[in-house]
Protein backbone atom coordinates (compact mmCIF):
# COMPACT_ATOMS: atom_id res chain seq x y z
CA MET A 1 48.55 85.50 16.95
CA ARG A 2 48.92 87.08 13.53
CA LYS A 3 50.99 90.25 13.36
CA ARG A 4 51.41 93.08 10.86
CA PHE A 5 55.37 92.29 10.96
CA GLU A 6 57.68 92.28 14.11
CA GLN A 7 61.15 91.36 13.26
CA GLN A 8 62.58 89.79 16.69
CA LEU A 9 66.01 91.29 17.24
CA SER A 10 67.21 87.33 18.18
CA LEU A 11 71.00 86.80 17.85
CA GLY A 12 72.00 86.34 14.10
CA ARG A 13 68.78 87.55 12.48
CA LEU A 14 69.64 89.84 9.67
CA LEU A 15 67.43 92.95 9.31
CA ILE A 16 65.00 93.86 6.13
CA GLU A 17 66.35 97.55 6.12
CA GLU A 18 70.14 96.12 5.70
CA THR A 19 69.16 93.95 2.46
CA GLU A 20 71.60 94.79 -0.37
CA ILE A 21 69.96 94.66 -3.70
CA PRO A 22 71.88 93.72 -6.66
CA THR A 23 72.01 96.40 -9.16
CA ALA A 24 73.27 94.47 -12.09
CA LYS A 25 71.18 94.78 -15.26
CA ARG A 26 71.52 91.01 -15.76
CA SER A 27 70.27 90.26 -12.19
CA GLY A 28 66.87 89.35 -13.60
CA ALA A 29 63.14 90.66 -12.31
CA LEU A 30 63.65 89.54 -8.67
CA PRO A 31 66.04 92.74 -7.37
CA ALA A 32 63.79 95.05 -8.96
CA LEU A 33 60.88 93.56 -7.17
CA PHE A 34 62.73 93.70 -4.01
CA ALA A 35 63.76 97.16 -4.31
CA ALA A 36 60.12 98.24 -4.67
CA LEU A 37 59.38 96.06 -1.71
CA LYS A 38 62.17 97.39 0.58
CA GLU A 39 61.07 100.90 -0.31
CA ILE A 40 57.52 100.25 0.90
CA TYR A 41 58.78 98.42 4.07
CA LEU A 42 61.04 101.48 4.82
CA SER A 43 58.42 104.12 4.63
CA PRO A 44 55.65 104.21 7.05
CA LYS A 45 53.45 106.25 4.74
CA TRP A 46 53.00 103.03 2.55
CA ASN A 47 53.46 100.08 4.67
CA ASP A 48 50.78 101.23 7.20
CA ARG A 49 48.29 101.45 4.17
CA VAL A 50 49.16 98.29 2.92
CA PHE A 51 48.72 96.72 6.32
CA GLU A 52 45.41 98.31 7.25
CA ILE A 53 44.17 96.94 3.97
CA MET A 54 45.31 93.40 4.78
CA GLU A 55 44.25 93.58 8.51
CA SER A 56 40.48 94.64 7.39
CA LYS A 57 40.30 91.48 5.39
CA ILE A 58 42.71 88.83 6.72
CA LEU A 59 42.69 89.36 10.71
CA PRO A 60 39.81 87.64 12.08
CA LYS A 61 37.72 89.48 15.21
CA ASN A 62 39.50 87.28 17.93
CA ASN A 63 43.17 87.43 16.73
CA ASN A 64 44.42 85.54 19.98
CA THR A 65 43.12 81.99 19.11
CA GLY A 66 44.18 79.54 16.35
CA ARG A 67 47.62 78.35 15.00
CA PRO A 68 50.22 80.85 14.06
CA GLY A 69 50.30 81.74 10.61
CA LEU A 70 52.77 83.98 8.59
CA ASP A 71 52.99 87.93 9.41
CA LEU A 72 51.00 90.00 6.95
CA TRP A 73 54.22 91.24 5.32
CA GLN A 74 55.53 87.95 4.63
CA ILE A 75 52.38 87.27 2.75
CA PHE A 76 52.43 90.14 0.72
CA VAL A 77 56.08 89.55 -0.30
CA LEU A 78 55.29 85.88 -1.13
CA ALA A 79 52.60 86.71 -3.23
CA GLN A 80 54.28 89.22 -5.25
CA VAL A 81 57.50 86.69 -5.83
CA ARG A 82 55.31 84.05 -7.24
CA MET A 83 53.62 86.17 -9.82
CA CYS A 84 56.88 88.26 -10.53
CA GLN A 85 58.79 84.84 -11.29
CA ASN A 86 55.77 82.97 -12.82
CA ILE A 87 56.41 80.01 -10.55
CA SER A 88 54.59 77.31 -9.02
CA TYR A 89 54.05 76.91 -5.01
CA ASP A 90 56.46 73.91 -4.97
CA ASP A 91 59.11 76.24 -6.66
CA LEU A 92 58.09 79.14 -4.38
CA HIS A 93 58.52 76.76 -1.30
CA PHE A 94 62.20 75.94 -2.51
CA MET A 95 63.16 79.59 -2.79
CA VAL A 96 61.65 80.50 0.59
CA ASN A 97 63.76 77.87 2.30
CA SER A 98 66.85 78.48 0.12
CA ASN A 99 67.06 81.99 -1.32
CA ALA A 100 69.26 84.27 0.95
CA LEU A 101 67.82 87.46 -0.52
CA LEU A 102 64.08 86.57 -0.32
CA ARG A 103 64.55 85.41 2.89
CA GLN A 104 65.88 88.66 4.09
CA ILE A 105 63.27 90.59 2.65
CA MET A 106 60.96 88.42 4.51
CA GLY A 107 62.53 89.12 7.71
CA ILE A 108 63.56 85.46 8.43
CA GLU A 109 67.36 85.04 7.31
CA THR A 110 70.13 84.60 9.93
CA GLU A 111 73.68 84.50 9.75
CA SER A 112 75.75 81.22 9.00
CA GLY A 113 75.72 79.23 11.87
CA PHE A 114 72.52 80.00 13.80
CA GLU A 115 69.17 78.50 13.58
CA LYS A 116 67.27 78.51 10.36
CA VAL A 117 63.58 79.20 10.11
CA ASN A 118 61.95 76.88 7.39
CA ILE A 119 58.41 77.35 6.24
CA SER A 120 56.15 74.55 5.00
CA TYR A 121 54.76 74.05 1.78
CA GLN A 122 51.15 73.94 2.96
CA ARG A 123 51.54 77.02 5.22
CA ILE A 124 52.85 79.23 2.30
CA LYS A 125 49.78 77.95 0.00
CA ASP A 126 47.33 78.62 2.87
CA ASN A 127 48.66 81.99 3.82
CA VAL A 128 48.78 83.22 0.30
CA GLY A 129 45.23 81.67 -0.52
CA LEU A 130 44.01 84.34 2.36
CA LEU A 131 44.41 87.11 -0.22
CA ASP A 132 41.07 87.88 -2.24
CA ASP A 133 40.19 89.65 -5.48
CA GLY A 134 38.85 92.69 -3.43
CA MET A 135 41.89 93.08 -1.30
CA VAL A 136 44.13 92.70 -4.15
CA LYS A 137 42.21 95.41 -5.98
CA GLU A 138 42.96 98.02 -3.14
CA LEU A 139 46.56 97.08 -2.90
CA ASN A 140 46.93 97.57 -6.64
CA SER A 141 45.36 101.07 -6.33
CA LEU A 142 47.90 101.89 -3.61
CA ILE A 143 51.06 100.42 -5.73
CA VAL A 144 49.85 102.60 -8.41
CA GLU A 145 49.65 105.91 -6.26
CA PHE A 146 53.06 104.74 -4.88
CA GLY A 147 54.50 104.34 -8.47
CA HIS A 148 53.17 107.93 -9.56
CA GLU A 149 54.91 109.60 -6.20
CA THR A 150 58.11 107.64 -7.54
CA PHE A 151 58.00 108.52 -11.30
CA LYS A 152 56.30 111.84 -11.43
CA LYS A 153 58.36 115.06 -10.84
CA LYS A 154 54.96 117.07 -10.16
CA GLU A 155 51.69 116.01 -8.67
CA THR A 156 49.66 117.59 -11.23
CA THR A 157 51.39 115.39 -14.10
CA ALA A 158 48.52 114.61 -16.28
CA LEU A 159 48.47 110.69 -17.69
CA HIS A 160 48.86 109.47 -21.08
CA LEU A 161 46.68 106.50 -21.03
CA LYS A 162 46.25 103.21 -23.56
CA THR A 163 43.91 100.61 -22.99
CA ASP A 164 43.78 97.22 -24.73
CA SER A 165 42.59 93.63 -23.89
CA PHE A 166 43.98 89.95 -24.10
CA VAL A 167 42.86 86.69 -22.94
CA VAL A 168 43.96 85.27 -19.76
CA GLU A 169 43.75 81.46 -20.44
CA SER A 170 42.13 78.93 -18.04
CA ASN A 171 43.96 75.75 -17.27
CA VAL A 172 41.42 73.35 -19.15
CA HIS A 173 41.81 71.04 -22.07
CA PHE A 174 40.11 71.66 -25.63
CA PRO A 175 36.34 71.07 -25.06
CA THR A 176 34.33 68.78 -27.14
CA ASP A 177 31.10 67.44 -26.12
CA TYR A 178 32.52 63.72 -25.95
CA ASN A 179 35.62 64.41 -23.94
CA LEU A 180 33.41 66.70 -21.70
CA LEU A 181 30.98 63.61 -21.53
CA TRP A 182 34.03 61.49 -20.26
CA ASP A 183 35.10 63.91 -17.73
CA SER A 184 31.51 63.80 -16.36
CA ALA A 185 31.42 60.27 -16.16
CA ARG A 186 35.00 59.79 -14.58
CA LYS A 187 34.41 62.47 -11.74
CA SER A 188 31.13 60.59 -11.00
CA ILE A 189 32.58 57.30 -10.82
CA ASP A 190 35.37 59.03 -8.68
CA MET A 191 32.81 59.93 -6.23
CA ILE A 192 31.44 56.39 -6.33
CA ILE A 193 34.65 55.36 -5.40
CA LYS A 194 35.06 57.68 -2.60
CA LEU A 195 31.71 56.41 -0.90
CA GLN A 196 32.88 52.94 -1.79
CA GLU A 197 35.99 53.31 0.72
CA LYS A 198 34.28 55.10 3.06
CA TYR A 199 30.87 53.06 3.49
CA ASP A 200 31.65 49.95 1.92
CA ILE A 201 28.54 50.29 -0.52
CA SER A 202 27.68 47.12 -2.83
CA GLY A 203 27.23 46.81 -6.59
CA TRP A 204 30.41 48.43 -7.82
CA ARG A 205 32.82 45.69 -7.54
CA LYS A 206 33.85 46.35 -11.21
CA VAL A 207 34.05 50.13 -11.38
CA ASN A 208 37.81 49.91 -12.75
CA ASP A 209 36.08 48.20 -15.59
CA TRP A 210 33.61 50.89 -16.29
CA LEU A 211 36.27 53.36 -16.53
CA LYS A 212 38.21 51.39 -18.94
CA ASP A 213 35.27 50.67 -21.31
CA LEU A 214 34.01 54.22 -21.26
CA LYS A 215 37.39 55.92 -21.68
CA ASN A 216 37.99 53.31 -24.89
CA LYS A 217 34.57 54.45 -26.28
CA MET A 218 35.20 57.85 -25.93
CA ARG A 219 38.57 57.41 -27.75
CA ALA A 220 36.61 55.47 -30.49
CA VAL A 221 34.39 58.45 -30.98
CA GLY A 222 37.35 60.83 -31.16
CA ARG A 223 38.96 58.61 -33.78
CA ALA A 224 35.63 58.37 -35.96
CA SER A 225 35.43 62.24 -35.92
CA ALA A 226 39.05 62.77 -37.03
CA SER A 227 39.20 60.19 -39.64
CA GLY A 228 38.19 60.80 -43.44
CA GLY A 229 37.13 58.63 -46.37
CA LYS A 230 33.96 56.80 -47.21
CA GLY A 231 31.41 56.12 -44.62
CA LYS A 232 32.70 58.53 -41.88
CA GLN A 233 29.39 59.50 -41.05
CA ASN A 234 27.97 56.10 -40.16
CA ARG A 235 31.25 55.44 -38.31
CA LEU A 236 30.83 58.37 -36.31
CA ILE A 237 27.32 57.67 -35.38
CA THR A 238 27.86 53.82 -34.54
CA ALA A 239 30.71 54.86 -32.09
CA ALA A 240 28.53 57.61 -30.80
CA GLU A 241 25.57 55.12 -30.15
CA LYS A 242 27.72 52.52 -28.39
CA TYR A 243 29.04 55.49 -26.24
CA LEU A 244 25.96 56.80 -25.26
CA VAL A 245 24.39 53.28 -24.41
CA LYS A 246 27.44 52.99 -21.95
CA THR A 247 27.20 56.76 -20.44
CA LYS A 248 23.42 56.16 -19.99
CA ALA A 249 23.90 52.86 -18.28
CA LEU A 250 26.09 54.45 -15.76
CA TYR A 251 23.89 57.17 -14.90
CA ASN A 252 20.65 54.85 -14.38
CA LYS A 253 22.96 52.38 -12.42
CA ILE A 254 24.04 55.39 -10.01
CA GLU A 255 20.35 56.69 -9.77
CA LEU A 256 19.19 53.00 -8.79
CA THR A 257 21.85 52.61 -6.16
CA LYS A 258 21.36 55.98 -4.51
CA VAL A 259 19.30 54.54 -1.56
CA ASP A 260 22.34 52.88 -0.46
CA TYR A 261 23.89 56.34 0.14
CA SER A 262 22.94 57.24 3.21
CA PRO A 263 25.90 59.17 5.01
CA LEU A 264 25.40 61.09 8.09
CA ASP A 265 28.75 62.97 8.56
CA PRO A 266 29.54 66.08 6.90
CA GLU A 267 32.56 64.48 4.61
CA GLY A 268 29.82 62.01 3.16
CA MET A 269 27.43 64.65 2.63
CA ALA A 270 29.84 66.73 0.58
CA ILE A 271 30.76 63.57 -1.68
CA ILE A 272 27.15 63.02 -2.28
CA MET A 273 26.79 66.86 -3.31
CA GLU A 274 29.77 66.70 -5.63
CA LEU A 275 28.20 63.11 -7.13
CA GLU A 276 25.12 65.17 -7.53
CA ARG A 277 26.84 67.92 -9.57
CA PHE A 278 28.95 65.74 -11.95
CA MET A 279 25.79 63.61 -12.55
CA GLU A 280 23.82 66.94 -13.87
CA LEU A 281 26.74 67.42 -16.21
CA LEU A 282 26.98 63.69 -17.27
CA GLN A 283 23.16 64.24 -18.34
CA LYS A 284 23.59 67.39 -19.82
CA HIS A 285 26.48 66.23 -22.17
CA ILE A 286 24.55 62.91 -22.86
CA ASN A 287 22.03 65.19 -24.35
CA LEU A 288 24.24 67.35 -26.25
CA LEU A 289 26.07 64.39 -28.07
CA GLU A 290 23.01 62.72 -28.74
CA ARG A 291 21.44 65.91 -30.32
CA ARG A 292 24.35 66.74 -32.16
CA ILE A 293 25.52 63.38 -33.96
CA LEU A 294 22.63 61.28 -33.75
CA LYS A 295 19.87 64.00 -34.69
CA GLY A 296 22.16 66.47 -36.52
CA GLU A 297 21.21 69.44 -34.64
CA THR A 298 23.39 72.62 -34.35
CA ILE A 299 24.05 73.22 -30.81
CA PRO A 300 23.49 76.96 -29.60
CA HIS A 301 26.58 78.92 -28.24
CA ASP A 302 24.86 79.59 -24.70
CA GLU A 303 23.98 76.05 -24.23
CA LYS A 304 27.66 74.63 -24.27
CA ILE A 305 30.10 74.81 -21.43
CA PHE A 306 33.83 74.47 -22.00
CA SER A 307 35.06 72.86 -18.67
CA ILE A 308 33.05 70.90 -16.18
CA PHE A 309 36.14 72.07 -13.84
CA GLU A 310 36.35 75.81 -14.54
CA GLN A 311 32.93 76.43 -15.53
CA TYR A 312 33.51 80.23 -15.82
CA THR A 313 35.79 79.57 -18.74
CA GLU A 314 34.74 81.31 -22.19
CA TRP A 315 35.39 80.60 -25.90
CA VAL A 316 36.78 83.64 -27.17
CA THR A 317 37.54 84.30 -30.73
CA LYS A 318 39.39 87.60 -31.30
CA GLY A 319 39.88 87.34 -35.13
CA LYS A 320 43.39 86.50 -35.01
CA MET A 321 45.23 83.86 -37.23
CA ARG A 322 47.04 82.26 -34.51
CA PRO A 323 45.69 81.43 -31.93
CA ASN A 324 42.39 81.61 -33.57
CA VAL A 325 40.64 80.44 -30.55
CA GLU A 326 41.32 80.85 -26.88
CA LEU A 327 39.57 79.42 -23.69
CA GLY A 328 39.73 81.82 -20.48
CA LYS A 329 38.44 85.15 -19.83
CA LYS A 330 39.00 88.42 -21.90
CA THR A 331 41.00 91.07 -19.53
CA SER A 332 41.28 95.02 -20.34
CA ILE A 333 44.19 96.74 -18.87
CA THR A 334 45.12 100.56 -19.07
CA THR A 335 48.55 101.53 -18.87
CA ASP A 336 50.01 105.24 -18.40
CA GLN A 337 53.30 106.93 -19.91
CA PHE A 338 55.52 105.12 -17.09
CA ASN A 339 54.25 101.72 -18.14
CA LEU A 340 52.18 101.29 -14.80
CA ILE A 341 48.80 99.27 -15.04
CA VAL A 342 46.46 101.88 -13.51
CA ASP A 343 43.45 99.74 -14.11
CA TYR A 344 42.68 96.16 -14.93
CA GLU A 345 39.18 94.52 -15.27
CA ILE A 346 38.22 90.82 -15.97
CA MET A 347 35.22 91.07 -18.65
CA GLU A 348 31.83 89.26 -17.93
CA LYS A 349 30.73 87.88 -21.57
CA GLN A 350 31.30 91.62 -22.37
CA ALA A 351 32.56 93.28 -25.82
CA ASP A 352 35.54 95.87 -25.54
CA SER A 353 32.89 98.64 -26.43
CA GLU A 354 30.55 97.87 -23.57
CA ILE A 355 33.12 98.34 -20.54
CA VAL A 356 34.29 101.91 -21.45
CA PRO A 357 31.64 103.94 -19.41
CA GLU A 358 32.46 102.15 -16.05
CA LEU A 359 36.04 102.26 -16.82
CA ALA A 360 35.84 106.27 -17.79
CA GLN A 361 34.12 106.68 -14.34
CA ARG A 362 36.85 104.78 -12.35
CA ILE A 363 39.90 106.43 -13.86
CA LEU A 364 38.70 109.92 -14.44
CA SER A 365 37.31 110.22 -10.91
CA GLU A 366 40.72 109.35 -9.85
CA HIS A 367 43.25 110.60 -12.13
CA LYS A 368 43.69 113.69 -14.43
CA VAL A 369 44.08 112.45 -18.01
CA LYS A 370 45.51 114.32 -21.09
CA SER A 371 45.39 111.71 -23.60
CA TRP A 372 43.83 108.17 -23.94
CA SER A 373 44.06 105.81 -26.97
CA PHE A 374 41.96 102.73 -27.73
CA ASP A 375 41.84 100.37 -30.67
CA LYS A 376 38.63 99.87 -32.96
CA GLY A 377 37.12 97.37 -30.88
CA TYR A 378 36.22 100.09 -28.02
CA TRP A 379 34.47 102.22 -30.43
CA HIS A 380 30.84 103.42 -29.63
CA LYS A 381 29.52 106.77 -30.40
CA ASN A 382 28.18 107.19 -26.50
CA ASN A 383 31.66 105.95 -25.62
CA LYS A 384 33.27 108.67 -27.76
CA ALA A 385 30.79 111.29 -26.45
CA ILE A 386 31.77 110.33 -22.78
CA LEU A 387 35.48 110.39 -23.11
CA SER A 388 35.68 113.62 -25.41
CA ALA A 389 34.24 115.66 -22.62
CA GLU A 390 37.01 114.94 -20.18
CA VAL A 391 40.13 113.78 -22.18
CA GLU A 392 41.66 116.63 -24.25
CA ASN A 393 43.38 114.30 -26.76
CA LEU A 394 41.25 111.04 -27.26
CA VAL A 395 42.17 108.33 -29.85
CA LEU A 396 39.28 106.03 -30.40
CA PRO A 397 39.08 105.21 -34.11
CA LYS A 398 35.93 104.37 -35.47
CA LYS A 399 34.90 100.79 -36.66
CA GLY A 400 33.40 100.54 -40.13
CA LYS A 401 32.81 103.42 -42.41
CA ARG A 402 33.95 107.00 -41.58
CA ASN A 403 32.29 110.06 -42.86
CA LYS A 404 34.37 112.98 -43.93
CA VAL A 405 34.35 114.81 -40.63
CA GLU A 406 35.70 111.67 -38.88
CA THR A 407 38.14 110.74 -41.62
CA GLU A 408 39.62 114.46 -41.10
CA ASP A 409 39.98 113.90 -37.51
CA GLU A 410 41.79 110.69 -37.66
CA HIS A 411 44.21 112.14 -39.94
CA GLN A 412 45.03 114.95 -37.71
CA PRO A 413 48.97 114.94 -36.59
CA ILE A 414 48.11 114.64 -32.81
CA PHE A 415 45.73 111.64 -33.70
CA ARG A 416 48.09 109.87 -35.59
CA LYS A 417 50.93 110.52 -32.95
CA PHE A 418 49.05 109.11 -29.94
CA ARG A 419 47.59 106.14 -32.10
CA HIS A 420 51.22 105.14 -33.13
CA LYS A 421 52.04 105.12 -29.60
CA HIS A 422 49.31 102.94 -28.78
CA SER A 423 51.11 99.84 -29.72
CA ALA A 424 53.33 100.33 -26.82
CA VAL A 425 50.42 98.48 -24.52
CA GLU A 426 51.12 95.56 -26.39
CA SER A 427 54.77 95.20 -24.77
CA ASN A 428 52.97 95.61 -21.58
CA ILE A 429 50.69 92.66 -22.20
CA ASN A 430 53.47 90.82 -23.53
CA GLU A 431 55.50 91.08 -20.29
CA LEU A 432 52.48 90.35 -18.26
CA GLU A 433 52.00 86.89 -20.00
CA HIS A 434 55.53 86.24 -19.15
CA ARG A 435 54.89 87.10 -15.50
CA GLY A 436 51.87 84.46 -15.55
CA LEU A 437 49.11 85.77 -17.10
CA ASN A 438 49.28 83.48 -20.41
CA ARG A 439 47.44 80.76 -18.25
CA CYS A 440 46.09 80.67 -14.71
CA PRO A 441 46.98 77.23 -13.03
CA ASP A 442 44.71 78.19 -10.07
CA LYS A 443 41.44 76.25 -9.56
CA GLY A 444 38.09 78.31 -9.24
CA TYR A 445 36.88 81.80 -10.46
CA ALA A 446 37.85 83.37 -7.07
CA ASN A 447 41.50 81.96 -7.31
CA PHE A 448 41.57 83.02 -11.08
CA LYS A 449 40.41 86.73 -10.26
CA ARG A 450 43.00 87.03 -7.37
CA TYR A 451 45.76 85.40 -9.71
CA VAL A 452 45.06 88.11 -12.20
CA GLY A 453 45.36 90.90 -9.56
CA LEU A 454 48.36 89.89 -8.11
CA ALA A 455 50.19 89.31 -11.48
CA VAL A 456 49.19 93.24 -12.17
CA SER A 457 50.54 94.34 -8.70
CA ALA A 458 53.70 92.19 -9.18
CA TYR A 459 54.13 93.65 -12.66
CA ASN A 460 53.79 97.16 -11.30
CA LEU A 461 56.14 96.86 -8.26
CA ARG A 462 58.86 95.51 -10.75
CA LYS A 463 58.40 98.50 -12.93
CA ILE A 464 58.69 100.72 -9.75
CA GLY A 465 61.75 98.48 -8.52
CA GLN A 466 63.43 99.20 -12.05
CA HIS A 467 63.05 103.11 -11.75
CA LEU A 468 64.50 102.80 -8.06
CA LEU A 469 67.60 100.74 -9.00
CA ALA A 470 68.18 103.26 -11.96
CA VAL A 471 67.97 106.13 -9.98
CA HIS A 472 70.17 104.48 -7.11
CA CYS A 473 72.91 103.68 -9.94
CA GLN A 474 72.75 107.09 -11.09
CA GLN A 475 73.32 108.75 -7.79
CA VAL A 476 76.30 106.56 -7.16
CA ALA A 477 77.83 107.33 -10.73
CA VAL A 478 77.22 111.10 -9.78
CA ALA A 479 78.99 110.57 -6.12
CA ARG A 480 81.99 108.72 -7.71
CA GLN A 481 82.55 111.60 -10.15
CA GLN A 482 82.60 114.19 -7.63
CA ALA A 483 84.81 112.39 -5.50
CA ALA A 484 87.07 112.03 -8.45
């Protein structure tokens, strides 16, 4: 039965509330995160709300059956630690079973000489995977509320916001139509191998020769495309023709032998469904390569995909010199004067200016905002009208040529002051990228969204923890002075 958290008072077990957090400035990011987590654990006001959010999504209706999982508190801690440290599940598994500070925050550490509790790799991965995007968004809102109570001297303090966007990259290779065709062919053959092992189908005795020949022909197309000199186009067409002949032969062979695949069990049906999916991608990229190289067509952008594995991936060009192209999803963040991220959004093939109306509705309904700064990418006359009515100091530089009134507005001292402060959001983005949001290693769009949300929550908790440690050190210093 999964529980919120009940630390058994067994002999030798160390209590969470007695965890000593290192206060040295060079201790790294983890102590600051643990300081915030400990504060949440000790405060019923916050831990009850954290558990209510997690219980509503994780606990099944019948919670008295099934294998024992991790407690909700342990899942929450592990998810934050992974993102704060920007580590893999393998490294997290190692830390869980060796880092005394982490184990005590989780409530599983014991004194020397007593039985040690170990947690397996798969148990960690499966339990952290129970979190979803909706739950993480709710937890983030709660963490921001907790942070504002920690930072603000008055509840009525208005926020000074900054909004900007960056790209969270997918874990994909650089896409070309010929290497995506190879990926499709390779995965189709992988499914054939699984069927061959499970059902002993005939006709695929030389399946490894197919793989070797296809890869050689794919590399020949790549070499011809990258080379220069006289006759390059002819060499490219010749290599592409040989490659296409082989991939079409593979497609036809799979189609002709489909009658041999008659699995009745669910596992076999799942393999067949995956095979059908990869065959569709195989046919698509045969068509694209043929049109581009043999027929000389320019392929429209909306017909392309940039990974057969992470199909949500977008080709993002932000006009930067380096990198000039990024493969992933644009993500917009909004930070306040306390460097907390009060809102984040993964953009679905949207320009920056298109997300402002919904962004304003979300934030202005929850917070009092005194100033709000954007860059030129968010400019639109409707956005300015919406925000000007609610925000006292709006910094939304116009994209393109300005008229006389707009020029005067953008040269006002208050406008220039907040515009100069806007660059602080770049340091927040840089830290997020160091905390894991440079590239997402998790597979699938649902896991991508969860990964982004957990990175934001771990970032916010670390910022709150830094403040808590600074206040604690100041109190200790004052106490020492008074004692002296």
